Amino acid sequence: MSRVFIVGCGDIGTRVAQLWQARGVTVSGLVRSTANRRRLEAKGITAVPGDLDDARSLITLPAHNALIYYFAPPPSPGSSGHPLPRGGSADPRMEHFLGAVPPDRLPNKIVYLSTSGVYGDHQGGWVNEDTPPHPQTPRAQARIKAETALLDWGQIKKIPVVILRVGGIYGPGRLPIEHIKQGQPVVRREEAPYTNRIHADDLARVCVAAAERGIDRGIYNVCDGEYSTMSDYFNAVADRLGLPRPPQISLAEAQRTLSPEMLSYLNESRRMDNRRICEELGVTLLYPTLEAGLAASL
């Protein structure tokens, strides 16, 4: 691998960039603000100007013979400037990006960071990569449409595409510390949904492995394999910080008081099988348990 281009070079993108830089690979990242340009350049990442919300700005993409990571989320469906289209949610950012890749300057491979939310609610049951998607929120619907658009494009252009369906990401700077300090409630354990997580450093390592060993049109669930409830997660963070555990409320009370975004997570419960990233991608997780991951995050 000689060149890597990251679309959506935030926290995870930067971690991935640093892993490739350690191997002597040149990395560039798409940026739309001066602050982000300076942030990337300070880490030795070449900043490429462009705004996924403005197709006209995407004129200098260094895609030719590159490994591309697409980490940018879809715009919030229904937000200002992004009304919900008929027939469900779409991802205009993905459409703009694919339309900007010159047909004579194609990449070698694309790795897309999607979400486990595309599986929807399984009432605590297990899901693997063969489980049919059943997205239940506009956010998840946008993700599955982005997956489909990218896979179709890759098939037409004969470019390998790998999809990573990622659980909740945690790590330094990615913990619900303020939520806990403010005493915000969680649903009592016996009613709380199962959730799946991955430490940010392990996710970055999976991204590298996906580029090296992920098969064309391959889909991989990314989590540590240690499922628990959302309430267990918040309690574990509180215990690690030496703070009081969050107060518990019933699911019925949560439906009346919590934000729609939080409720969208509470309304879905599933346990993800992560064997494929371990067996096919050859990943050995640094933090296979929440206990180990929190110890490295605080």
C-alpha atoms as a PDB file:
ATOM      1  CA  MET A   1       0.000   0.000   0.000  1.00  0.00           C
ATOM      2  CA  SER A   2       1.580   3.275  -1.100  1.00  0.00           C
ATOM      3  CA  ARG A   3      -1.182   5.856  -0.564  1.00  0.00           C
ATOM      4  CA  VAL A   4      -4.182   6.155   1.735  1.00  0.00           C
ATOM      5  CA  PHE A   5      -6.962   8.737   1.400  1.00  0.00           C
ATOM      6  CA  ILE A   6      -9.400   9.181   4.292  1.00  0.00           C
ATOM      7  CA  VAL A   7     -12.812  10.763   3.798  1.00  0.00           C
ATOM      8  CA  GLY A   8     -14.004  11.821   7.238  1.00  0.00           C
ATOM      9  CA  CYS A   9     -10.667  12.051   9.046  1.00  0.00           C
ATOM     10  CA  GLY A  10     -11.819  12.620  12.616  1.00  0.00           C
ATOM     11  CA  ASP A  11     -10.792  10.619  15.675  1.00  0.00           C
ATOM     12  CA  ILE A  12     -10.971   7.167  14.076  1.00  0.00           C
ATOM     13  CA  GLY A  13      -9.566   8.395  10.784  1.00  0.00           C
ATOM     14  CA  THR A  14      -6.592   9.916  12.576  1.00  0.00           C
ATOM     15  CA  ARG A  15      -5.924   6.670  14.457  1.00  0.00           C
ATOM     16  CA  VAL A  16      -6.023   4.739  11.187  1.00  0.00           C
ATOM     17  CA  ALA A  17      -3.740   7.296   9.540  1.00  0.00           C
ATOM     18  CA  GLN A  18      -1.155   6.924  12.283  1.00  0.00           C
ATOM     19  CA  LEU A  19      -1.089   3.134  11.872  1.00  0.00           C
ATOM     20  CA  TRP A  20      -0.374   3.503   8.153  1.00  0.00           C
ATOM     21  CA  GLN A  21       2.156   6.287   8.712  1.00  0.00           C
ATOM     22  CA  ALA A  22       4.070   3.965  11.037  1.00  0.00           C
ATOM     23  CA  ARG A  23       4.533   1.730   7.985  1.00  0.00           C
ATOM     24  CA  GLY A  24       5.834   4.583   5.866  1.00  0.00           C
ATOM     25  CA  VAL A  25       2.606   5.079   3.906  1.00  0.00           C
ATOM     26  CA  THR A  26       1.586   8.563   2.726  1.00  0.00           C
ATOM     27  CA  VAL A  27      -1.844   9.549   4.093  1.00  0.00           C
ATOM     28  CA  SER A  28      -4.172  12.356   3.040  1.00  0.00           C
ATOM     29  CA  GLY A  29      -7.553  13.378   4.400  1.00  0.00           C
ATOM     30  CA  LEU A  30     -10.515  15.383   3.121  1.00  0.00           C
ATOM     31  CA  VAL A  31     -11.173  18.564   5.140  1.00  0.00           C
ATOM     32  CA  ARG A  32     -13.600  21.449   4.826  1.00  0.00           C
ATOM     33  CA  SER A  33     -12.391  23.786   7.587  1.00  0.00           C
ATOM     34  CA  THR A  34      -9.147  25.587   8.323  1.00  0.00           C
ATOM     35  CA  ALA A  35      -9.098  24.172  11.849  1.00  0.00           C
ATOM     36  CA  ASN A  36      -9.259  20.599  10.569  1.00  0.00           C
ATOM     37  CA  ARG A  37      -6.638  21.322   7.939  1.00  0.00           C
ATOM     38  CA  ARG A  38      -4.257  22.500  10.643  1.00  0.00           C
ATOM     39  CA  ARG A  39      -5.128  19.520  12.853  1.00  0.00           C
ATOM     40  CA  LEU A  40      -4.294  17.026  10.112  1.00  0.00           C
ATOM     41  CA  GLU A  41      -1.154  18.799   8.975  1.00  0.00           C
ATOM     42  CA  ALA A  42       0.114  18.837  12.568  1.00  0.00           C
ATOM     43  CA  LYS A  43      -0.031  15.032  12.437  1.00  0.00           C
ATOM     44  CA  GLY A  44       1.699  14.757   9.084  1.00  0.00           C
ATOM     45  CA  ILE A  45      -1.521  14.082   7.144  1.00  0.00           C
ATOM     46  CA  THR A  46      -1.900  15.925   3.839  1.00  0.00           C
ATOM     47  CA  ALA A  47      -5.100  17.995   3.925  1.00  0.00           C
ATOM     48  CA  VAL A  48      -7.268  17.866   0.793  1.00  0.00           C
ATOM     49  CA  PRO A  49      -9.893  20.657   0.662  1.00  0.00           C
ATOM     50  CA  GLY A  50     -13.464  19.644  -0.086  1.00  0.00           C
ATOM     51  CA  ASP A  51     -16.983  19.587   1.310  1.00  0.00           C
ATOM     52  CA  LEU A  52     -19.119  16.477   0.819  1.00  0.00           C
ATOM     53  CA  ASP A  53     -22.222  18.655   1.025  1.00  0.00           C
ATOM     54  CA  ASP A  54     -21.026  20.649  -2.007  1.00  0.00           C
ATOM     55  CA  ALA A  55     -20.303  18.424  -4.997  1.00  0.00           C
ATOM     56  CA  ARG A  56     -18.644  21.335  -6.834  1.00  0.00           C
ATOM     57  CA  SER A  57     -15.873  21.463  -4.222  1.00  0.00           C
ATOM     58  CA  LEU A  58     -14.770  17.858  -4.797  1.00  0.00           C
ATOM     59  CA  ILE A  59     -12.427  18.458  -7.700  1.00  0.00           C
ATOM     60  CA  THR A  60      -9.020  17.353  -6.409  1.00  0.00           C
ATOM     61  CA  LEU A  61      -9.652  13.945  -4.838  1.00  0.00           C
ATOM     62  CA  PRO A  62      -6.398  11.922  -4.699  1.00  0.00           C
ATOM     63  CA  ALA A  63      -8.218   8.681  -5.499  1.00  0.00           C
ATOM     64  CA  HIS A  64      -5.974   7.240  -8.207  1.00  0.00           C
ATOM     65  CA  ASN A  65      -4.537   3.862  -7.116  1.00  0.00           C
ATOM     66  CA  ALA A  66      -5.227   4.754  -3.482  1.00  0.00           C
ATOM     67  CA  LEU A  67      -6.791   2.858  -0.632  1.00  0.00           C
ATOM     68  CA  ILE A  68      -9.809   4.952   0.345  1.00  0.00           C
ATOM     69  CA  TYR A  69     -11.468   4.911   3.743  1.00  0.00           C
ATOM     70  CA  TYR A  70     -14.923   6.456   3.782  1.00  0.00           C
ATOM     71  CA  PHE A  71     -15.703   7.386   7.397  1.00  0.00           C
ATOM     72  CA  ALA A  72     -18.039  10.347   6.857  1.00  0.00           C
ATOM     73  CA  PRO A  73     -21.570   9.909   8.267  1.00  0.00           C
ATOM     74  CA  PRO A  74     -24.656  10.742   6.237  1.00  0.00           C
ATOM     75  CA  PRO A  75     -26.243  14.111   7.033  1.00  0.00           C
ATOM     76  CA  SER A  76     -28.899  13.937   9.720  1.00  0.00           C
ATOM     77  CA  PRO A  77     -32.087  13.039   7.820  1.00  0.00           C
ATOM     78  CA  GLY A  78     -34.538  15.905   7.780  1.00  0.00           C
ATOM     79  CA  SER A  79     -31.953  18.431   8.979  1.00  0.00           C
ATOM     80  CA  SER A  80     -31.636  21.846   7.406  1.00  0.00           C
ATOM     81  CA  GLY A  81     -30.647  21.469   3.783  1.00  0.00           C
ATOM     82  CA  HIS A  82     -31.220  17.707   3.840  1.00  0.00           C
ATOM     83  CA  PRO A  83     -34.959  16.978   3.724  1.00  0.00           C
ATOM     84  CA  LEU A  84     -36.062  13.378   3.739  1.00  0.00           C
ATOM     85  CA  PRO A  85     -36.486  12.159   0.162  1.00  0.00           C
ATOM     86  CA  ARG A  86     -39.434  10.082  -0.890  1.00  0.00           C
ATOM     87  CA  GLY A  87     -38.978   6.385  -0.292  1.00  0.00           C
ATOM     88  CA  GLY A  88     -36.739   6.774   2.752  1.00  0.00           C
ATOM     89  CA  SER A  89     -33.421   8.262   3.742  1.00  0.00           C
ATOM     90  CA  ALA A  90     -30.471   8.544   1.377  1.00  0.00           C
ATOM     91  CA  ASP A  91     -26.870   9.755   1.668  1.00  0.00           C
ATOM     92  CA  PRO A  92     -26.190  12.657  -0.707  1.00  0.00           C
ATOM     93  CA  ARG A  93     -22.629  12.891   0.621  1.00  0.00           C
ATOM     94  CA  MET A  94     -21.853   9.420  -0.664  1.00  0.00           C
ATOM     95  CA  GLU A  95     -23.466  10.297  -3.995  1.00  0.00           C
ATOM     96  CA  HIS A  96     -21.360  13.463  -4.271  1.00  0.00           C
ATOM     97  CA  PHE A  97     -18.188  11.570  -3.437  1.00  0.00           C
ATOM     98  CA  LEU A  98     -18.735   8.746  -5.913  1.00  0.00           C
ATOM     99  CA  GLY A  99     -19.671  11.231  -8.608  1.00  0.00           C
ATOM    100  CA  ALA A 100     -16.409  13.101  -8.039  1.00  0.00           C
ATOM    101  CA  VAL A 101     -14.090  10.107  -8.517  1.00  0.00           C
ATOM    102  CA  PRO A 102     -12.710  10.406 -12.082  1.00  0.00           C
ATOM    103  CA  PRO A 103     -13.443   7.253 -14.124  1.00  0.00           C
ATOM    104  CA  ASP A 104      -9.834   7.140 -15.305  1.00  0.00           C
ATOM    105  CA  ARG A 105      -8.354   7.655 -11.815  1.00  0.00           C
ATOM    106  CA  LEU A 106     -10.008   4.965  -9.737  1.00  0.00           C
ATOM    107  CA  PRO A 107      -8.878   3.746  -6.300  1.00  0.00           C
ATOM    108  CA  ASN A 108      -7.550   0.277  -5.556  1.00  0.00           C
ATOM    109  CA  LYS A 109     -10.041  -0.420  -2.768  1.00  0.00           C
ATOM    110  CA  ILE A 110     -12.642   1.301  -0.570  1.00  0.00           C
ATOM    111  CA  VAL A 111     -13.392   0.490   3.075  1.00  0.00           C
ATOM    112  CA  TYR A 112     -16.666   1.927   4.370  1.00  0.00           C
ATOM    113  CA  LEU A 113     -17.430   2.465   8.050  1.00  0.00           C
ATOM    114  CA  SER A 114     -21.120   1.677   8.515  1.00  0.00           C
ATOM    115  CA  THR A 115     -23.107   0.933  11.672  1.00  0.00           C
ATOM    116  CA  SER A 116     -24.582  -2.106  13.382  1.00  0.00           C
ATOM    117  CA  GLY A 117     -27.794  -0.081  13.497  1.00  0.00           C
ATOM    118  CA  VAL A 118     -28.636  -1.407  10.025  1.00  0.00           C
ATOM    119  CA  TYR A 119     -29.696  -4.686  11.674  1.00  0.00           C
ATOM    120  CA  GLY A 120     -32.455  -3.014  13.681  1.00  0.00           C
ATOM    121  CA  ASP A 121     -34.056  -4.614  16.731  1.00  0.00           C
ATOM    122  CA  HIS A 122     -33.615  -8.354  17.337  1.00  0.00           C
ATOM    123  CA  GLN A 123     -35.030  -8.405  20.870  1.00  0.00           C
ATOM    124  CA  GLY A 124     -31.669  -9.402  22.311  1.00  0.00           C
ATOM    125  CA  GLY A 125     -31.020 -12.116  19.728  1.00  0.00           C
ATOM    126  CA  TRP A 126     -27.774 -12.773  17.891  1.00  0.00           C
ATOM    127  CA  VAL A 127     -26.894 -11.226  14.543  1.00  0.00           C
ATOM    128  CA  ASN A 128     -24.074 -12.077  12.166  1.00  0.00           C
ATOM    129  CA  GLU A 129     -23.079 -10.810   8.750  1.00  0.00           C
ATOM    130  CA  ASP A 130     -25.667 -13.035   7.066  1.00  0.00           C
ATOM    131  CA  THR A 131     -28.522 -11.499   9.059  1.00  0.00           C
ATOM    132  CA  PRO A 132     -30.696  -9.437   6.673  1.00  0.00           C
ATOM    133  CA  PRO A 133     -30.590  -5.696   7.427  1.00  0.00           C
ATOM    134  CA  HIS A 134     -33.746  -4.269   8.954  1.00  0.00           C
ATOM    135  CA  PRO A 135     -32.998  -0.581   9.629  1.00  0.00           C
ATOM    136  CA  GLN A 136     -35.655   1.053  11.764  1.00  0.00           C
ATOM    137  CA  THR A 137     -34.424   4.631  12.109  1.00  0.00           C
ATOM    138  CA  PRO A 138     -33.812   7.269   9.412  1.00  0.00           C
ATOM    139  CA  ARG A 139     -30.148   7.254  10.438  1.00  0.00           C
ATOM    140  CA  ALA A 140     -29.808   3.493   9.863  1.00  0.00           C
ATOM    141  CA  GLN A 141     -31.840   3.649   6.652  1.00  0.00           C
ATOM    142  CA  ALA A 142     -29.395   6.223   5.301  1.00  0.00           C
ATOM    143  CA  ARG A 143     -26.502   3.935   6.173  1.00  0.00           C
ATOM    144  CA  ILE A 144     -27.875   0.887   4.381  1.00  0.00           C
ATOM    145  CA  LYS A 145     -28.588   2.997   1.302  1.00  0.00           C
ATOM    146  CA  ALA A 146     -25.015   4.278   1.394  1.00  0.00           C
ATOM    147  CA  GLU A 147     -23.737   0.699   1.676  1.00  0.00           C
ATOM    148  CA  THR A 148     -25.830  -0.342  -1.321  1.00  0.00           C
ATOM    149  CA  ALA A 149     -24.785   2.645  -3.429  1.00  0.00           C
ATOM    150  CA  LEU A 150     -21.112   1.998  -2.744  1.00  0.00           C
ATOM    151  CA  LEU A 151     -21.339  -1.747  -3.389  1.00  0.00           C
ATOM    152  CA  ASP A 152     -23.172  -1.134  -6.669  1.00  0.00           C
ATOM    153  CA  TRP A 153     -20.592   1.462  -7.729  1.00  0.00           C
ATOM    154  CA  GLY A 154     -17.738  -0.872  -6.860  1.00  0.00           C
ATOM    155  CA  GLN A 155     -19.285  -3.683  -8.874  1.00  0.00           C
ATOM    156  CA  ILE A 156     -19.699  -1.454 -11.927  1.00  0.00           C
ATOM    157  CA  LYS A 157     -16.182  -0.005 -11.650  1.00  0.00           C
ATOM    158  CA  LYS A 158     -14.626  -3.344 -10.628  1.00  0.00           C
ATOM    159  CA  ILE A 159     -13.256  -1.807  -7.422  1.00  0.00           C
ATOM    160  CA  PRO A 160     -13.189  -3.974  -4.257  1.00  0.00           C
ATOM    161  CA  VAL A 161     -15.435  -2.614  -1.501  1.00  0.00           C
ATOM    162  CA  VAL A 162     -15.421  -3.725   2.144  1.00  0.00           C
ATOM    163  CA  ILE A 163     -18.184  -2.830   4.616  1.00  0.00           C
ATOM    164  CA  LEU A 164     -17.550  -2.596   8.368  1.00  0.00           C
ATOM    165  CA  ARG A 165     -20.691  -2.590  10.530  1.00  0.00           C
ATOM    166  CA  VAL A 166     -19.498  -1.072  13.771  1.00  0.00           C
ATOM    167  CA  GLY A 167     -20.992  -1.209  17.252  1.00  0.00           C
ATOM    168  CA  GLY A 168     -20.683   1.598  19.777  1.00  0.00           C
ATOM    169  CA  ILE A 169     -17.207   3.130  19.835  1.00  0.00           C
ATOM    170  CA  TYR A 170     -15.561   3.965  23.151  1.00  0.00           C
ATOM    171  CA  GLY A 171     -12.109   5.037  24.261  1.00  0.00           C
ATOM    172  CA  PRO A 172     -10.291   8.162  25.474  1.00  0.00           C
ATOM    173  CA  GLY A 173     -12.578  11.146  24.977  1.00  0.00           C
ATOM    174  CA  ARG A 174     -15.468   8.878  23.959  1.00  0.00           C
ATOM    175  CA  LEU A 175     -17.012   7.977  27.326  1.00  0.00           C
ATOM    176  CA  PRO A 176     -20.333   9.159  28.852  1.00  0.00           C
ATOM    177  CA  ILE A 177     -18.568  10.966  31.677  1.00  0.00           C
ATOM    178  CA  GLU A 178     -20.678  14.138  31.639  1.00  0.00           C
ATOM    179  CA  HIS A 179     -23.863  12.085  31.469  1.00  0.00           C
ATOM    180  CA  ILE A 180     -22.791  10.288  34.637  1.00  0.00           C
ATOM    181  CA  LYS A 181     -21.589  13.421  36.441  1.00  0.00           C
ATOM    182  CA  GLN A 182     -24.916  15.121  35.743  1.00  0.00           C
ATOM    183  CA  GLY A 183     -26.796  12.214  37.263  1.00  0.00           C
ATOM    184  CA  GLN A 184     -28.786  11.522  34.119  1.00  0.00           C
ATOM    185  CA  PRO A 185     -30.793   8.299  34.426  1.00  0.00           C
ATOM    186  CA  VAL A 186     -30.438   4.978  32.645  1.00  0.00           C
ATOM    187  CA  VAL A 187     -33.027   2.274  32.102  1.00  0.00           C
ATOM    188  CA  ARG A 188     -33.013  -0.342  34.832  1.00  0.00           C
ATOM    189  CA  ARG A 189     -30.900  -3.347  33.954  1.00  0.00           C
ATOM    190  CA  GLU A 190     -33.696  -5.891  33.554  1.00  0.00           C
ATOM    191  CA  GLU A 191     -35.326  -3.733  30.870  1.00  0.00           C
ATOM    192  CA  ALA A 192     -32.198  -2.316  29.223  1.00  0.00           C
ATOM    193  CA  PRO A 193     -31.282  -3.432  25.688  1.00  0.00           C
ATOM    194  CA  TYR A 194     -28.144  -5.347  24.821  1.00  0.00           C
ATOM    195  CA  THR A 195     -25.426  -3.226  23.241  1.00  0.00           C
ATOM    196  CA  ASN A 196     -22.138  -4.005  21.514  1.00  0.00           C
ATOM    197  CA  ARG A 197     -18.932  -1.980  21.700  1.00  0.00           C
ATOM    198  CA  ILE A 198     -15.437  -1.685  20.284  1.00  0.00           C
ATOM    199  CA  HIS A 199     -12.472   0.281  21.604  1.00  0.00           C
ATOM    200  CA  ALA A 200     -11.340   3.016  19.206  1.00  0.00           C
ATOM    201  CA  ASP A 201      -7.825   1.568  18.924  1.00  0.00           C
ATOM    202  CA  ASP A 202      -9.175  -1.874  18.065  1.00  0.00           C
ATOM    203  CA  LEU A 203     -11.478  -0.344  15.460  1.00  0.00           C
ATOM    204  CA  ALA A 204      -8.498   1.358  13.824  1.00  0.00           C
ATOM    205  CA  ARG A 205      -6.650  -1.961  13.703  1.00  0.00           C
ATOM    206  CA  VAL A 206      -9.684  -3.656  12.148  1.00  0.00           C
ATOM    207  CA  CYS A 207      -9.726  -0.932   9.481  1.00  0.00           C
ATOM    208  CA  VAL A 208      -6.143  -1.744   8.535  1.00  0.00           C
ATOM    209  CA  ALA A 209      -6.857  -5.484   8.490  1.00  0.00           C
ATOM    210  CA  ALA A 210      -9.937  -4.899   6.316  1.00  0.00           C
ATOM    211  CA  ALA A 211      -7.779  -3.125   3.750  1.00  0.00           C
ATOM    212  CA  GLU A 212      -5.227  -5.924   3.736  1.00  0.00           C
ATOM    213  CA  ARG A 213      -7.428  -9.020   3.984  1.00  0.00           C
ATOM    214  CA  GLY A 214     -11.056  -7.975   3.503  1.00  0.00           C
ATOM    215  CA  ILE A 215     -12.660  -9.621   0.490  1.00  0.00           C
ATOM    216  CA  ASP A 216     -14.550  -7.731  -2.210  1.00  0.00           C
ATOM    217  CA  ARG A 217     -18.135  -7.084  -1.079  1.00  0.00           C
ATOM    218  CA  GLY A 218     -17.170  -8.485   2.307  1.00  0.00           C
ATOM    219  CA  ILE A 219     -19.233  -7.388   5.304  1.00  0.00           C
ATOM    220  CA  TYR A 220     -17.715  -7.565   8.786  1.00  0.00           C
ATOM    221  CA  ASN A 221     -19.280  -6.941  12.180  1.00  0.00           C
ATOM    222  CA  VAL A 222     -16.937  -4.929  14.390  1.00  0.00           C
ATOM    223  CA  CYS A 223     -17.318  -5.308  18.153  1.00  0.00           C
ATOM    224  CA  ASP A 224     -15.358  -6.839  21.013  1.00  0.00           C
ATOM    225  CA  GLY A 225     -17.725  -9.799  21.392  1.00  0.00           C
ATOM    226  CA  GLU A 226     -18.535  -8.972  25.022  1.00  0.00           C
ATOM    227  CA  TYR A 227     -22.137  -7.810  24.908  1.00  0.00           C
ATOM    228  CA  SER A 228     -23.839  -6.206  27.893  1.00  0.00           C
ATOM    229  CA  THR A 229     -26.683  -3.814  28.549  1.00  0.00           C
ATOM    230  CA  MET A 230     -26.344  -0.079  28.130  1.00  0.00           C
ATOM    231  CA  SER A 231     -26.939   0.260  31.873  1.00  0.00           C
ATOM    232  CA  ASP A 232     -24.048  -2.124  32.601  1.00  0.00           C
ATOM    233  CA  TYR A 233     -21.822   0.043  30.429  1.00  0.00           C
ATOM    234  CA  PHE A 234     -22.722   3.276  32.227  1.00  0.00           C
ATOM    235  CA  ASN A 235     -22.319   1.593  35.607  1.00  0.00           C
ATOM    236  CA  ALA A 236     -18.878   0.265  34.640  1.00  0.00           C
ATOM    237  CA  VAL A 237     -17.706   3.737  33.610  1.00  0.00           C
ATOM    238  CA  ALA A 238     -19.061   5.242  36.842  1.00  0.00           C
ATOM    239  CA  ASP A 239     -17.354   2.577  38.940  1.00  0.00           C
ATOM    240  CA  ARG A 240     -14.061   3.141  37.146  1.00  0.00           C
ATOM    241  CA  LEU A 241     -14.290   6.889  37.834  1.00  0.00           C
ATOM    242  CA  GLY A 242     -15.360   6.411  41.440  1.00  0.00           C
ATOM    243  CA  LEU A 243     -18.637   8.224  40.769  1.00  0.00           C
ATOM    244  CA  PRO A 244     -22.157   7.287  41.887  1.00  0.00           C
ATOM    245  CA  ARG A 245     -23.927   5.011  39.457  1.00  0.00           C
ATOM    246  CA  PRO A 246     -26.647   6.696  37.383  1.00  0.00           C
ATOM    247  CA  PRO A 247     -30.176   6.525  38.784  1.00  0.00           C
ATOM    248  CA  GLN A 248     -32.346   3.865  37.155  1.00  0.00           C
ATOM    249  CA  ILE A 249     -35.781   4.391  35.665  1.00  0.00           C
ATOM    250  CA  SER A 250     -38.292   2.103  34.006  1.00  0.00           C
ATOM    251  CA  LEU A 251     -38.445   1.784  30.242  1.00  0.00           C
ATOM    252  CA  ALA A 252     -41.922   3.304  30.341  1.00  0.00           C
ATOM    253  CA  GLU A 253     -40.579   6.365  32.141  1.00  0.00           C
ATOM    254  CA  ALA A 254     -37.675   6.590  29.699  1.00  0.00           C
ATOM    255  CA  GLN A 255     -40.148   6.689  26.812  1.00  0.00           C
ATOM    256  CA  ARG A 256     -41.678   9.791  28.389  1.00  0.00           C
ATOM    257  CA  THR A 257     -38.533  11.653  29.409  1.00  0.00           C
ATOM    258  CA  LEU A 258     -35.505  10.791  27.251  1.00  0.00           C
ATOM    259  CA  SER A 259     -34.537  12.384  23.937  1.00  0.00           C
ATOM    260  CA  PRO A 260     -35.655  10.778  20.655  1.00  0.00           C
ATOM    261  CA  GLU A 261     -32.033   9.978  19.801  1.00  0.00           C
ATOM    262  CA  MET A 262     -31.454   8.135  23.083  1.00  0.00           C
ATOM    263  CA  LEU A 263     -34.755   6.315  22.686  1.00  0.00           C
ATOM    264  CA  SER A 264     -33.714   5.103  19.240  1.00  0.00           C
ATOM    265  CA  TYR A 265     -30.895   3.170  20.928  1.00  0.00           C
ATOM    266  CA  LEU A 266     -33.115   1.897  23.732  1.00  0.00           C
ATOM    267  CA  ASN A 267     -35.627   0.542  21.236  1.00  0.00           C
ATOM    268  CA  GLU A 268     -33.076  -1.817  19.669  1.00  0.00           C
ATOM    269  CA  SER A 269     -31.462  -4.826  21.347  1.00  0.00           C
ATOM    270  CA  ARG A 270     -29.092  -7.288  19.683  1.00  0.00           C
ATOM    271  CA  ARG A 271     -25.918  -9.260  20.291  1.00  0.00           C
ATOM    272  CA  MET A 272     -23.338  -9.186  17.507  1.00  0.00           C
ATOM    273  CA  ASP A 273     -21.164 -12.101  16.445  1.00  0.00           C
ATOM    274  CA  ASN A 274     -17.606 -10.866  15.825  1.00  0.00           C
ATOM    275  CA  ARG A 275     -15.968 -14.118  14.769  1.00  0.00           C
ATOM    276  CA  ARG A 276     -15.463 -13.027  11.173  1.00  0.00           C
ATOM    277  CA  ILE A 277     -13.071 -10.168  12.022  1.00  0.00           C
ATOM    278  CA  CYS A 278     -11.050 -12.552  14.180  1.00  0.00           C
ATOM    279  CA  GLU A 279     -11.029 -15.537  11.830  1.00  0.00           C
ATOM    280  CA  GLU A 280     -11.063 -13.945   8.360  1.00  0.00           C
ATOM    281  CA  LEU A 281      -9.265 -10.660   9.037  1.00  0.00           C
ATOM    282  CA  GLY A 282      -6.896 -12.191  11.579  1.00  0.00           C
ATOM    283  CA  VAL A 283      -7.510  -9.504  14.197  1.00  0.00           C
ATOM    284  CA  THR A 284      -6.484 -10.142  17.794  1.00  0.00           C
ATOM    285  CA  LEU A 285      -8.205  -7.493  19.878  1.00  0.00           C
ATOM    286  CA  LEU A 286      -6.161  -5.420  22.290  1.00  0.00           C
ATOM    287  CA  TYR A 287      -9.258  -4.870  24.439  1.00  0.00           C
ATOM    288  CA  PRO A 288     -11.598  -7.886  24.204  1.00  0.00           C
ATOM    289  CA  THR A 289     -13.418  -6.851  27.382  1.00  0.00           C
ATOM    290  CA  LEU A 290     -14.906  -3.588  28.600  1.00  0.00           C
ATOM    291  CA  GLU A 291     -12.796  -3.819  31.747  1.00  0.00           C
ATOM    292  CA  ALA A 292      -9.585  -3.891  29.725  1.00  0.00           C
ATOM    293  CA  GLY A 293     -10.761  -1.126  27.412  1.00  0.00           C
ATOM    294  CA  LEU A 294     -11.797   1.213  30.210  1.00  0.00           C
ATOM    295  CA  ALA A 295      -8.463   0.712  31.951  1.00  0.00           C
ATOM    296  CA  ALA A 296      -6.783   2.043  28.799  1.00  0.00           C
ATOM    297  CA  SER A 297      -9.263   4.894  28.362  1.00  0.00           C
ATOM    298  CA  LEU A 298      -9.116   6.701  31.711  1.00  0.00           C
END
